[in-house]
């Protein structure tokens, strides 16, 4: 096992160059899926590394509930600096679990609170039904769960013309149909597991907005109309929606770097394929991220197999 058990903690750094380049050169749908998959894999390997260190660290504590054989010299020799690293891993893994639990609780609680705050519906509409809420604050967001609903304030409706309103609703419905809230939640949990993955969370938040922009442009038939809707919604939304909206799943139009989104909409539609790479820099970044992810997974697997074998041999049946 050796020092390789520590690699998954730092290998997420290899994915950072790809995060920004994927935003620029890939179709946002491909960028979202790719970055979410890479981020979740690296976070899982990082968490598994902490769990392995925690097992060895706990075995050194007096009065621990683990078998005595788990603290044998053979076990300690399998992991350099096992005592200090193991004890630190106990606290770090505990913090990760608390952060995950808090994120999931806030996410679920806010979704429930947002759904209860909406006007009562007759239940006859299809998924993605439009709900117009009387409010002087201009906002729009997609509320997933159940049938899924698009919530728009009357103030936002008044700010846009008919085609722009169509673009706005199509944008929010794209968030529902693409289940963007899941990608956002996965990358948020990954960032809680390893702070090195924070740039991937930011990149996925931007690419989901761009994905919805592209879907809205296809539905409306005009990229320029969607660009106008994005710009006007950002100008009128001088403050974020009320407390019923959670950034992990509520995707309002002002979210993300609006000038970059508008510029992308005024440009040509991005290519949908992943291959060939749009630039040599992207190809190099993709290779680096692939090698880093594979090395992280192999290090975690090797450490797991090694530790399980040692602990099994050290534990009397």
C-alpha atoms as a PDB file:
ATOM      1  CA  UNK A   1       0.000   0.000   0.000  1.00  0.00           C
ATOM      2  CA  UNK A   2       2.685   2.488   1.052  1.00  0.00           C
ATOM      3  CA  UNK A   3       2.494   6.140   0.107  1.00  0.00           C
ATOM      4  CA  UNK A   4       0.126   5.345  -2.787  1.00  0.00           C
ATOM      5  CA  UNK A   5      -2.792   5.448  -0.366  1.00  0.00           C
ATOM      6  CA  UNK A   6      -2.321   9.213  -0.135  1.00  0.00           C
ATOM      7  CA  UNK A   7      -2.494   9.825  -3.904  1.00  0.00           C
ATOM      8  CA  UNK A   8      -6.308  10.051  -4.150  1.00  0.00           C
ATOM      9  CA  UNK A   9      -6.205  13.058  -1.812  1.00  0.00           C
ATOM     10  CA  UNK A  10      -4.171  15.165  -4.255  1.00  0.00           C
ATOM     11  CA  UNK A  11      -4.915  13.650  -7.669  1.00  0.00           C
ATOM     12  CA  UNK A  12      -8.100  15.765  -8.082  1.00  0.00           C
ATOM     13  CA  UNK A  13      -5.703  18.568  -9.012  1.00  0.00           C
ATOM     14  CA  UNK A  14      -5.156  16.806 -12.349  1.00  0.00           C
ATOM     15  CA  UNK A  15      -8.773  17.515 -13.364  1.00  0.00           C
ATOM     16  CA  UNK A  16      -8.626  21.280 -12.851  1.00  0.00           C
ATOM     17  CA  UNK A  17      -7.225  22.233 -16.300  1.00  0.00           C
ATOM     18  CA  UNK A  18      -9.979  20.243 -17.974  1.00  0.00           C
ATOM     19  CA  UNK A  19     -12.723  22.049 -16.059  1.00  0.00           C
ATOM     20  CA  UNK A  20     -12.149  25.426 -17.693  1.00  0.00           C
ATOM     21  CA  UNK A  21     -11.265  24.022 -21.114  1.00  0.00           C
ATOM     22  CA  UNK A  22     -14.398  21.845 -21.159  1.00  0.00           C
ATOM     23  CA  UNK A  23     -16.495  24.970 -20.568  1.00  0.00           C
ATOM     24  CA  UNK A  24     -14.910  26.664 -23.545  1.00  0.00           C
ATOM     25  CA  UNK A  25     -14.650  23.884 -26.129  1.00  0.00           C
ATOM     26  CA  UNK A  26     -17.203  21.150 -25.402  1.00  0.00           C
ATOM     27  CA  UNK A  27     -20.942  21.138 -25.847  1.00  0.00           C
ATOM     28  CA  UNK A  28     -22.328  22.048 -22.403  1.00  0.00           C
ATOM     29  CA  UNK A  29     -24.237  18.757 -22.212  1.00  0.00           C
ATOM     30  CA  UNK A  30     -21.026  16.797 -22.739  1.00  0.00           C
ATOM     31  CA  UNK A  31     -19.078  19.067 -20.380  1.00  0.00           C
ATOM     32  CA  UNK A  32     -21.655  18.634 -17.604  1.00  0.00           C
ATOM     33  CA  UNK A  33     -21.718  14.855 -17.829  1.00  0.00           C
ATOM     34  CA  UNK A  34     -17.960  14.500 -18.177  1.00  0.00           C
ATOM     35  CA  UNK A  35     -17.070  16.812 -15.297  1.00  0.00           C
ATOM     36  CA  UNK A  36     -19.720  15.326 -13.016  1.00  0.00           C
ATOM     37  CA  UNK A  37     -18.441  11.800 -13.702  1.00  0.00           C
ATOM     38  CA  UNK A  38     -14.800  12.767 -13.162  1.00  0.00           C
ATOM     39  CA  UNK A  39     -15.582  14.773 -10.020  1.00  0.00           C
ATOM     40  CA  UNK A  40     -17.724  12.075  -8.408  1.00  0.00           C
ATOM     41  CA  UNK A  41     -15.108   9.378  -9.147  1.00  0.00           C
ATOM     42  CA  UNK A  42     -12.280  11.433  -7.676  1.00  0.00           C
ATOM     43  CA  UNK A  43     -14.381  12.318  -4.627  1.00  0.00           C
ATOM     44  CA  UNK A  44     -15.253   8.667  -4.044  1.00  0.00           C
ATOM     45  CA  UNK A  45     -11.599   7.629  -4.236  1.00  0.00           C
ATOM     46  CA  UNK A  46     -10.598  10.459  -1.912  1.00  0.00           C
ATOM     47  CA  UNK A  47     -13.247   9.473   0.628  1.00  0.00           C
ATOM     48  CA  UNK A  48     -12.231   5.819   0.425  1.00  0.00           C
ATOM     49  CA  UNK A  49      -8.642   6.845   1.112  1.00  0.00           C
ATOM     50  CA  UNK A  50      -9.758   8.698   4.231  1.00  0.00           C
ATOM     51  CA  UNK A  51     -11.779   5.679   5.345  1.00  0.00           C
ATOM     52  CA  UNK A  52      -8.755   3.394   5.019  1.00  0.00           C
ATOM     53  CA  UNK A  53      -6.576   5.807   6.961  1.00  0.00           C
ATOM     54  CA  UNK A  54      -9.303   6.101   9.575  1.00  0.00           C
ATOM     55  CA  UNK A  55      -9.400   2.325  10.090  1.00  0.00           C
ATOM     56  CA  UNK A  56      -5.669   2.170  10.704  1.00  0.00           C
ATOM     57  CA  UNK A  57      -5.775   5.291  12.873  1.00  0.00           C
ATOM     58  CA  UNK A  58      -8.631   3.969  14.986  1.00  0.00           C
ATOM     59  CA  UNK A  59      -6.708   0.771  15.596  1.00  0.00           C
ATOM     60  CA  UNK A  60      -4.083   2.826  17.448  1.00  0.00           C
ATOM     61  CA  UNK A  61      -6.570   4.341  19.896  1.00  0.00           C
ATOM     62  CA  UNK A  62      -6.707   2.798  23.383  1.00  0.00           C
ATOM     63  CA  UNK A  63      -9.981   1.105  24.110  1.00  0.00           C
ATOM     64  CA  UNK A  64     -11.089   1.071  20.469  1.00  0.00           C
ATOM     65  CA  UNK A  65     -13.757  -1.449  19.442  1.00  0.00           C
ATOM     66  CA  UNK A  66     -11.655  -2.959  16.643  1.00  0.00           C
ATOM     67  CA  UNK A  67      -9.925  -6.347  17.006  1.00  0.00           C
ATOM     68  CA  UNK A  68      -6.516  -6.222  18.684  1.00  0.00           C
ATOM     69  CA  UNK A  69      -4.884  -7.800  15.658  1.00  0.00           C
ATOM     70  CA  UNK A  70      -5.686  -4.707  13.569  1.00  0.00           C
ATOM     71  CA  UNK A  71      -2.954  -2.776  15.375  1.00  0.00           C
ATOM     72  CA  UNK A  72      -0.250  -5.387  14.818  1.00  0.00           C
ATOM     73  CA  UNK A  73       3.143  -4.165  13.520  1.00  0.00           C
ATOM     74  CA  UNK A  74       2.336  -5.679  10.113  1.00  0.00           C
ATOM     75  CA  UNK A  75      -0.685  -3.441   9.805  1.00  0.00           C
ATOM     76  CA  UNK A  76       1.184  -0.331  10.879  1.00  0.00           C
ATOM     77  CA  UNK A  77       4.064  -1.106   8.540  1.00  0.00           C
ATOM     78  CA  UNK A  78       1.703  -1.159   5.572  1.00  0.00           C
ATOM     79  CA  UNK A  79       0.997   2.555   5.937  1.00  0.00           C
ATOM     80  CA  UNK A  80       3.730   5.210   6.360  1.00  0.00           C
ATOM     81  CA  UNK A  81       3.069   7.655   9.208  1.00  0.00           C
ATOM     82  CA  UNK A  82      -0.012   5.614  10.013  1.00  0.00           C
ATOM     83  CA  UNK A  83      -0.473   6.943  13.532  1.00  0.00           C
ATOM     84  CA  UNK A  84      -0.587  10.684  12.793  1.00  0.00           C
ATOM     85  CA  UNK A  85      -2.282  10.337   9.416  1.00  0.00           C
ATOM     86  CA  UNK A  86      -4.828   7.905  10.799  1.00  0.00           C
ATOM     87  CA  UNK A  87      -5.796  10.134  13.692  1.00  0.00           C
ATOM     88  CA  UNK A  88      -6.096  13.156  11.397  1.00  0.00           C
ATOM     89  CA  UNK A  89      -8.208  11.109   8.983  1.00  0.00           C
ATOM     90  CA  UNK A  90     -10.724  10.393  11.734  1.00  0.00           C
ATOM     91  CA  UNK A  91     -11.491  14.079  12.127  1.00  0.00           C
ATOM     92  CA  UNK A  92     -11.383  14.851   8.401  1.00  0.00           C
ATOM     93  CA  UNK A  93     -13.698  11.977   7.469  1.00  0.00           C
ATOM     94  CA  UNK A  94     -16.074  13.007  10.238  1.00  0.00           C
ATOM     95  CA  UNK A  95     -16.141  16.537   8.852  1.00  0.00           C
ATOM     96  CA  UNK A  96     -16.846  15.212   5.341  1.00  0.00           C
ATOM     97  CA  UNK A  97     -19.746  13.098   6.577  1.00  0.00           C
ATOM     98  CA  UNK A  98     -21.198  16.023   8.510  1.00  0.00           C
ATOM     99  CA  UNK A  99     -20.865  18.278   5.453  1.00  0.00           C
ATOM    100  CA  UNK A 100     -22.589  15.693   3.251  1.00  0.00           C
ATOM    101  CA  UNK A 101     -25.400  15.269   5.738  1.00  0.00           C
ATOM    102  CA  UNK A 102     -25.895  19.015   6.099  1.00  0.00           C
ATOM    103  CA  UNK A 103     -25.960  19.504   2.327  1.00  0.00           C
ATOM    104  CA  UNK A 104     -28.531  16.750   1.787  1.00  0.00           C
ATOM    105  CA  UNK A 105     -30.719  17.949   4.651  1.00  0.00           C
ATOM    106  CA  UNK A 106     -30.697  21.569   3.410  1.00  0.00           C
ATOM    107  CA  UNK A 107     -31.339  20.437  -0.152  1.00  0.00           C
ATOM    108  CA  UNK A 108     -34.330  18.284   0.815  1.00  0.00           C
ATOM    109  CA  UNK A 109     -35.744  20.751   3.316  1.00  0.00           C
ATOM    110  CA  UNK A 110     -35.608  23.664   0.895  1.00  0.00           C
ATOM    111  CA  UNK A 111     -37.215  21.673  -1.905  1.00  0.00           C
ATOM    112  CA  UNK A 112     -40.084  20.730   0.376  1.00  0.00           C
ATOM    113  CA  UNK A 113     -40.444  24.305   1.628  1.00  0.00           C
ATOM    114  CA  UNK A 114     -40.397  25.676  -1.920  1.00  0.00           C
ATOM    115  CA  UNK A 115     -43.048  23.200  -3.073  1.00  0.00           C
ATOM    116  CA  UNK A 116     -45.323  24.065  -0.161  1.00  0.00           C
ATOM    117  CA  UNK A 117     -44.957  27.789  -0.845  1.00  0.00           C
ATOM    118  CA  UNK A 118     -46.372  27.483  -4.366  1.00  0.00           C
ATOM    119  CA  UNK A 119     -50.060  28.048  -5.128  1.00  0.00           C
ATOM    120  CA  UNK A 120     -52.220  24.917  -5.037  1.00  0.00           C
ATOM    121  CA  UNK A 121     -52.456  23.124  -8.395  1.00  0.00           C
ATOM    122  CA  UNK A 122     -55.217  20.959  -9.757  1.00  0.00           C
ATOM    123  CA  UNK A 123     -52.710  18.236 -10.652  1.00  0.00           C
ATOM    124  CA  UNK A 124     -53.837  17.941 -14.282  1.00  0.00           C
ATOM    125  CA  UNK A 125     -50.736  19.410 -15.914  1.00  0.00           C
ATOM    126  CA  UNK A 126     -47.736  17.592 -17.317  1.00  0.00           C
ATOM    127  CA  UNK A 127     -44.213  17.672 -15.956  1.00  0.00           C
ATOM    128  CA  UNK A 128     -42.726  21.108 -16.146  1.00  0.00           C
ATOM    129  CA  UNK A 129     -46.009  22.995 -15.699  1.00  0.00           C
ATOM    130  CA  UNK A 130     -45.616  26.737 -15.520  1.00  0.00           C
ATOM    131  CA  UNK A 131     -46.514  28.395 -12.209  1.00  0.00           C
ATOM    132  CA  UNK A 132     -46.755  32.188 -12.256  1.00  0.00           C
ATOM    133  CA  UNK A 133     -46.355  33.640  -8.774  1.00  0.00           C
ATOM    134  CA  UNK A 134     -47.569  37.193  -8.054  1.00  0.00           C
ATOM    135  CA  UNK A 135     -44.455  38.980  -6.854  1.00  0.00           C
ATOM    136  CA  UNK A 136     -42.800  42.371  -7.368  1.00  0.00           C
ATOM    137  CA  UNK A 137     -39.386  40.622  -7.488  1.00  0.00           C
ATOM    138  CA  UNK A 138     -38.341  39.343 -10.932  1.00  0.00           C
ATOM    139  CA  UNK A 139     -37.142  35.730 -10.750  1.00  0.00           C
ATOM    140  CA  UNK A 140     -37.520  32.361 -12.462  1.00  0.00           C
ATOM    141  CA  UNK A 141     -36.366  28.914 -11.439  1.00  0.00           C
ATOM    142  CA  UNK A 142     -37.000  25.227 -12.040  1.00  0.00           C
ATOM    143  CA  UNK A 143     -38.357  23.208  -9.108  1.00  0.00           C
ATOM    144  CA  UNK A 144     -37.631  19.467  -9.575  1.00  0.00           C
ATOM    145  CA  UNK A 145     -39.370  16.601  -7.892  1.00  0.00           C
ATOM    146  CA  UNK A 146     -42.657  14.918  -8.727  1.00  0.00           C
ATOM    147  CA  UNK A 147     -44.043  16.483 -11.886  1.00  0.00           C
ATOM    148  CA  UNK A 148     -41.493  19.260 -11.819  1.00  0.00           C
ATOM    149  CA  UNK A 149     -42.542  22.867 -12.192  1.00  0.00           C
ATOM    150  CA  UNK A 150     -41.227  26.073 -13.674  1.00  0.00           C
ATOM    151  CA  UNK A 151     -41.810  28.990 -11.314  1.00  0.00           C
ATOM    152  CA  UNK A 152     -41.810  32.523 -12.714  1.00  0.00           C
ATOM    153  CA  UNK A 153     -42.815  35.731 -10.976  1.00  0.00           C
ATOM    154  CA  UNK A 154     -45.227  38.186 -12.555  1.00  0.00           C
ATOM    155  CA  UNK A 155     -42.518  40.845 -12.388  1.00  0.00           C
ATOM    156  CA  UNK A 156     -40.225  38.711 -14.536  1.00  0.00           C
ATOM    157  CA  UNK A 157     -43.023  38.081 -17.024  1.00  0.00           C
ATOM    158  CA  UNK A 158     -43.595  41.822 -17.316  1.00  0.00           C
ATOM    159  CA  UNK A 159     -39.911  42.420 -18.064  1.00  0.00           C
ATOM    160  CA  UNK A 160     -39.866  40.247 -21.192  1.00  0.00           C
ATOM    161  CA  UNK A 161     -41.750  40.175 -24.471  1.00  0.00           C
ATOM    162  CA  UNK A 162     -43.619  37.095 -25.707  1.00  0.00           C
ATOM    163  CA  UNK A 163     -40.672  35.407 -27.461  1.00  0.00           C
ATOM    164  CA  UNK A 164     -38.353  36.112 -24.549  1.00  0.00           C
ATOM    165  CA  UNK A 165     -40.879  34.618 -22.124  1.00  0.00           C
ATOM    166  CA  UNK A 166     -41.006  31.547 -24.324  1.00  0.00           C
ATOM    167  CA  UNK A 167     -37.199  31.361 -24.185  1.00  0.00           C
ATOM    168  CA  UNK A 168     -37.182  31.745 -20.410  1.00  0.00           C
ATOM    169  CA  UNK A 169     -39.720  28.961 -19.863  1.00  0.00           C
ATOM    170  CA  UNK A 170     -37.893  26.700 -22.343  1.00  0.00           C
ATOM    171  CA  UNK A 171     -34.650  27.346 -20.455  1.00  0.00           C
ATOM    172  CA  UNK A 172     -36.152  26.335 -17.128  1.00  0.00           C
ATOM    173  CA  UNK A 173     -37.884  23.302 -18.608  1.00  0.00           C
ATOM    174  CA  UNK A 174     -34.525  22.221 -19.998  1.00  0.00           C
ATOM    175  CA  UNK A 175     -33.216  22.193 -16.419  1.00  0.00           C
ATOM    176  CA  UNK A 176     -36.049  19.834 -15.482  1.00  0.00           C
ATOM    177  CA  UNK A 177     -35.790  17.519 -18.473  1.00  0.00           C
ATOM    178  CA  UNK A 178     -31.993  17.346 -18.173  1.00  0.00           C
ATOM    179  CA  UNK A 179     -32.207  16.742 -14.411  1.00  0.00           C
ATOM    180  CA  UNK A 180     -29.517  19.341 -13.890  1.00  0.00           C
ATOM    181  CA  UNK A 181     -30.182  19.468 -10.160  1.00  0.00           C
ATOM    182  CA  UNK A 182     -28.669  15.987  -9.867  1.00  0.00           C
ATOM    183  CA  UNK A 183     -25.429  17.007 -11.548  1.00  0.00           C
ATOM    184  CA  UNK A 184     -25.247  20.090  -9.340  1.00  0.00           C
ATOM    185  CA  UNK A 185     -25.879  18.088  -6.173  1.00  0.00           C
ATOM    186  CA  UNK A 186     -23.325  15.416  -7.096  1.00  0.00           C
ATOM    187  CA  UNK A 187     -20.598  17.970  -7.759  1.00  0.00           C
ATOM    188  CA  UNK A 188     -21.505  19.872  -4.606  1.00  0.00           C
ATOM    189  CA  UNK A 189     -21.092  16.692  -2.554  1.00  0.00           C
ATOM    190  CA  UNK A 190     -17.823  15.972  -4.374  1.00  0.00           C
ATOM    191  CA  UNK A 191     -16.522  19.427  -3.455  1.00  0.00           C
ATOM    192  CA  UNK A 192     -17.470  18.774   0.171  1.00  0.00           C
ATOM    193  CA  UNK A 193     -15.373  15.602   0.069  1.00  0.00           C
ATOM    194  CA  UNK A 194     -12.284  17.283  -1.406  1.00  0.00           C
ATOM    195  CA  UNK A 195     -11.797  21.079  -1.686  1.00  0.00           C
ATOM    196  CA  UNK A 196      -9.629  20.552  -4.780  1.00  0.00           C
ATOM    197  CA  UNK A 197     -12.864  19.744  -6.624  1.00  0.00           C
ATOM    198  CA  UNK A 198     -14.427  23.158  -6.006  1.00  0.00           C
ATOM    199  CA  UNK A 199     -13.501  24.394  -9.529  1.00  0.00           C
ATOM    200  CA  UNK A 200     -15.346  21.420 -11.015  1.00  0.00           C
ATOM    201  CA  UNK A 201     -18.460  22.374  -9.079  1.00  0.00           C
ATOM    202  CA  UNK A 202     -18.242  25.911 -10.469  1.00  0.00           C
ATOM    203  CA  UNK A 203     -17.679  24.581 -13.992  1.00  0.00           C
ATOM    204  CA  UNK A 204     -20.695  22.257 -13.783  1.00  0.00           C
ATOM    205  CA  UNK A 205     -22.889  25.099 -12.484  1.00  0.00           C
ATOM    206  CA  UNK A 206     -21.931  27.150 -15.543  1.00  0.00           C
ATOM    207  CA  UNK A 207     -22.234  24.289 -18.038  1.00  0.00           C
ATOM    208  CA  UNK A 208     -25.740  23.375 -16.840  1.00  0.00           C
ATOM    209  CA  UNK A 209     -26.819  26.958 -17.506  1.00  0.00           C
ATOM    210  CA  UNK A 210     -25.236  26.811 -20.959  1.00  0.00           C
ATOM    211  CA  UNK A 211     -26.906  23.442 -21.589  1.00  0.00           C
ATOM    212  CA  UNK A 212     -30.295  24.970 -20.787  1.00  0.00           C
ATOM    213  CA  UNK A 213     -29.459  27.984 -22.983  1.00  0.00           C
ATOM    214  CA  UNK A 214     -28.753  25.703 -25.946  1.00  0.00           C
ATOM    215  CA  UNK A 215     -31.944  23.721 -25.418  1.00  0.00           C
ATOM    216  CA  UNK A 216     -33.944  26.940 -25.195  1.00  0.00           C
ATOM    217  CA  UNK A 217     -32.352  28.234 -28.397  1.00  0.00           C
ATOM    218  CA  UNK A 218     -33.353  25.013 -30.167  1.00  0.00           C
ATOM    219  CA  UNK A 219     -36.937  25.237 -28.841  1.00  0.00           C
ATOM    220  CA  UNK A 220     -37.355  28.918 -29.736  1.00  0.00           C
ATOM    221  CA  UNK A 221     -35.438  28.701 -33.006  1.00  0.00           C
ATOM    222  CA  UNK A 222     -33.360  31.791 -32.300  1.00  0.00           C
ATOM    223  CA  UNK A 223     -30.122  31.997 -30.351  1.00  0.00           C
ATOM    224  CA  UNK A 224     -30.344  35.789 -30.361  1.00  0.00           C
ATOM    225  CA  UNK A 225     -33.747  35.717 -28.647  1.00  0.00           C
ATOM    226  CA  UNK A 226     -32.381  33.542 -25.846  1.00  0.00           C
ATOM    227  CA  UNK A 227     -29.365  35.839 -25.515  1.00  0.00           C
ATOM    228  CA  UNK A 228     -31.704  38.825 -25.102  1.00  0.00           C
ATOM    229  CA  UNK A 229     -33.760  36.934 -22.511  1.00  0.00           C
ATOM    230  CA  UNK A 230     -30.645  36.002 -20.559  1.00  0.00           C
ATOM    231  CA  UNK A 231     -29.336  39.574 -20.599  1.00  0.00           C
ATOM    232  CA  UNK A 232     -32.638  41.199 -19.700  1.00  0.00           C
ATOM    233  CA  UNK A 233     -33.377  38.710 -16.933  1.00  0.00           C
ATOM    234  CA  UNK A 234     -29.947  39.394 -15.440  1.00  0.00           C
ATOM    235  CA  UNK A 235     -30.483  43.161 -15.595  1.00  0.00           C
ATOM    236  CA  UNK A 236     -33.900  43.058 -13.950  1.00  0.00           C
ATOM    237  CA  UNK A 237     -33.011  40.451 -11.346  1.00  0.00           C
ATOM    238  CA  UNK A 238     -31.137  42.923  -9.171  1.00  0.00           C
ATOM    239  CA  UNK A 239     -31.376  40.540  -6.236  1.00  0.00           C
ATOM    240  CA  UNK A 240     -31.673  36.735  -5.993  1.00  0.00           C
ATOM    241  CA  UNK A 241     -35.005  34.955  -5.461  1.00  0.00           C
ATOM    242  CA  UNK A 242     -36.425  34.538  -1.992  1.00  0.00           C
ATOM    243  CA  UNK A 243     -35.337  31.996   0.600  1.00  0.00           C
ATOM    244  CA  UNK A 244     -37.456  29.291  -1.050  1.00  0.00           C
ATOM    245  CA  UNK A 245     -34.791  28.884  -3.738  1.00  0.00           C
ATOM    246  CA  UNK A 246     -31.748  26.667  -3.179  1.00  0.00           C
ATOM    247  CA  UNK A 247     -28.716  27.132  -5.474  1.00  0.00           C
ATOM    248  CA  UNK A 248     -28.215  23.357  -5.582  1.00  0.00           C
ATOM    249  CA  UNK A 249     -31.350  22.878  -7.676  1.00  0.00           C
ATOM    250  CA  UNK A 250     -32.970  26.240  -8.442  1.00  0.00           C
ATOM    251  CA  UNK A 251     -31.552  27.363 -11.764  1.00  0.00           C
ATOM    252  CA  UNK A 252     -32.503  30.971 -12.394  1.00  0.00           C
ATOM    253  CA  UNK A 253     -31.406  32.797 -15.527  1.00  0.00           C
ATOM    254  CA  UNK A 254     -29.104  35.310 -13.756  1.00  0.00           C
ATOM    255  CA  UNK A 255     -27.005  32.422 -12.432  1.00  0.00           C
ATOM    256  CA  UNK A 256     -23.510  32.143 -13.870  1.00  0.00           C
ATOM    257  CA  UNK A 257     -21.281  34.526 -15.809  1.00  0.00           C
ATOM    258  CA  UNK A 258     -23.969  36.183 -17.917  1.00  0.00           C
ATOM    259  CA  UNK A 259     -21.643  37.964 -20.406  1.00  0.00           C
ATOM    260  CA  UNK A 260     -19.987  34.649 -21.285  1.00  0.00           C
ATOM    261  CA  UNK A 261     -23.352  32.981 -21.770  1.00  0.00           C
ATOM    262  CA  UNK A 262     -24.607  35.787 -23.986  1.00  0.00           C
ATOM    263  CA  UNK A 263     -21.404  35.735 -26.040  1.00  0.00           C
ATOM    264  CA  UNK A 264     -21.710  31.959 -26.479  1.00  0.00           C
ATOM    265  CA  UNK A 265     -25.312  32.311 -27.654  1.00  0.00           C
ATOM    266  CA  UNK A 266     -24.319  34.942 -30.198  1.00  0.00           C
ATOM    267  CA  UNK A 267     -21.669  32.557 -31.534  1.00  0.00           C
ATOM    268  CA  UNK A 268     -22.183  29.338 -33.495  1.00  0.00           C
ATOM    269  CA  UNK A 269     -23.782  26.310 -31.876  1.00  0.00           C
ATOM    270  CA  UNK A 270     -21.067  24.224 -30.142  1.00  0.00           C
ATOM    271  CA  UNK A 271     -20.239  20.796 -31.590  1.00  0.00           C
ATOM    272  CA  UNK A 272     -22.036  17.914 -29.918  1.00  0.00           C
ATOM    273  CA  UNK A 273     -19.281  15.285 -30.223  1.00  0.00           C
ATOM    274  CA  UNK A 274     -16.528  14.533 -27.757  1.00  0.00           C
ATOM    275  CA  UNK A 275     -14.073  13.441 -30.434  1.00  0.00           C
ATOM    276  CA  UNK A 276     -11.949  14.750 -32.048  1.00  0.00           C
ATOM    277  CA  UNK A 277     -10.967  17.293 -29.371  1.00  0.00           C
ATOM    278  CA  UNK A 278     -11.727  20.893 -30.254  1.00  0.00           C
ATOM    279  CA  UNK A 279      -8.178  21.974 -29.373  1.00  0.00           C
ATOM    280  CA  UNK A 280      -4.823  20.365 -28.511  1.00  0.00           C
ATOM    281  CA  UNK A 281      -4.978  22.008 -25.078  1.00  0.00           C
ATOM    282  CA  UNK A 282      -8.281  20.271 -24.375  1.00  0.00           C
ATOM    283  CA  UNK A 283      -6.846  16.948 -25.548  1.00  0.00           C
ATOM    284  CA  UNK A 284      -3.854  17.325 -23.227  1.00  0.00           C
ATOM    285  CA  UNK A 285      -6.092  18.322 -20.301  1.00  0.00           C
ATOM    286  CA  UNK A 286      -8.398  15.366 -20.973  1.00  0.00           C
ATOM    287  CA  UNK A 287      -5.466  12.944 -21.023  1.00  0.00           C
ATOM    288  CA  UNK A 288      -4.113  14.427 -17.777  1.00  0.00           C
ATOM    289  CA  UNK A 289      -7.509  14.171 -16.067  1.00  0.00           C
ATOM    290  CA  UNK A 290      -8.003  10.623 -17.345  1.00  0.00           C
ATOM    291  CA  UNK A 291      -4.594   9.527 -16.069  1.00  0.00           C
ATOM    292  CA  UNK A 292      -5.200  11.227 -12.724  1.00  0.00           C
ATOM    293  CA  UNK A 293      -8.640   9.651 -12.313  1.00  0.00           C
ATOM    294  CA  UNK A 294      -7.385   6.212 -13.301  1.00  0.00           C
ATOM    295  CA  UNK A 295      -4.388   6.497 -10.961  1.00  0.00           C
ATOM    296  CA  UNK A 296      -6.680   7.592  -8.133  1.00  0.00           C
ATOM    297  CA  UNK A 297      -9.015   4.659  -8.713  1.00  0.00           C
ATOM    298  CA  UNK A 298      -6.155   2.165  -8.950  1.00  0.00           C
ATOM    299  CA  UNK A 299      -4.484   3.553  -5.815  1.00  0.00           C
ATOM    300  CA  UNK A 300      -7.733   3.271  -3.883  1.00  0.00           C
ATOM    301  CA  UNK A 301      -8.349  -0.262  -5.151  1.00  0.00           C
ATOM    302  CA  UNK A 302      -4.802  -1.364  -4.360  1.00  0.00           C
ATOM    303  CA  UNK A 303      -4.941   0.135  -0.873  1.00  0.00           C
ATOM    304  CA  UNK A 304      -8.318  -1.459  -0.212  1.00  0.00           C
ATOM    305  CA  UNK A 305      -7.260  -4.931  -1.330  1.00  0.00           C
ATOM    306  CA  UNK A 306      -3.997  -4.714   0.580  1.00  0.00           C
ATOM    307  CA  UNK A 307      -5.575  -3.464   3.789  1.00  0.00           C
ATOM    308  CA  UNK A 308      -8.420  -5.986   3.671  1.00  0.00           C
ATOM    309  CA  UNK A 309      -5.924  -8.807   3.188  1.00  0.00           C
ATOM    310  CA  UNK A 310      -3.756  -7.647   6.088  1.00  0.00           C
ATOM    311  CA  UNK A 311      -6.679  -7.080   8.425  1.00  0.00           C
ATOM    312  CA  UNK A 312      -8.212 -10.408   7.510  1.00  0.00           C
ATOM    313  CA  UNK A 313      -4.920 -12.172   8.292  1.00  0.00           C
ATOM    314  CA  UNK A 314      -4.536 -10.220  11.547  1.00  0.00           C
ATOM    315  CA  UNK A 315      -8.077 -10.911  12.747  1.00  0.00           C
ATOM    316  CA  UNK A 316      -8.670 -14.297  14.404  1.00  0.00           C
ATOM    317  CA  UNK A 317     -11.726 -16.102  13.068  1.00  0.00           C
END
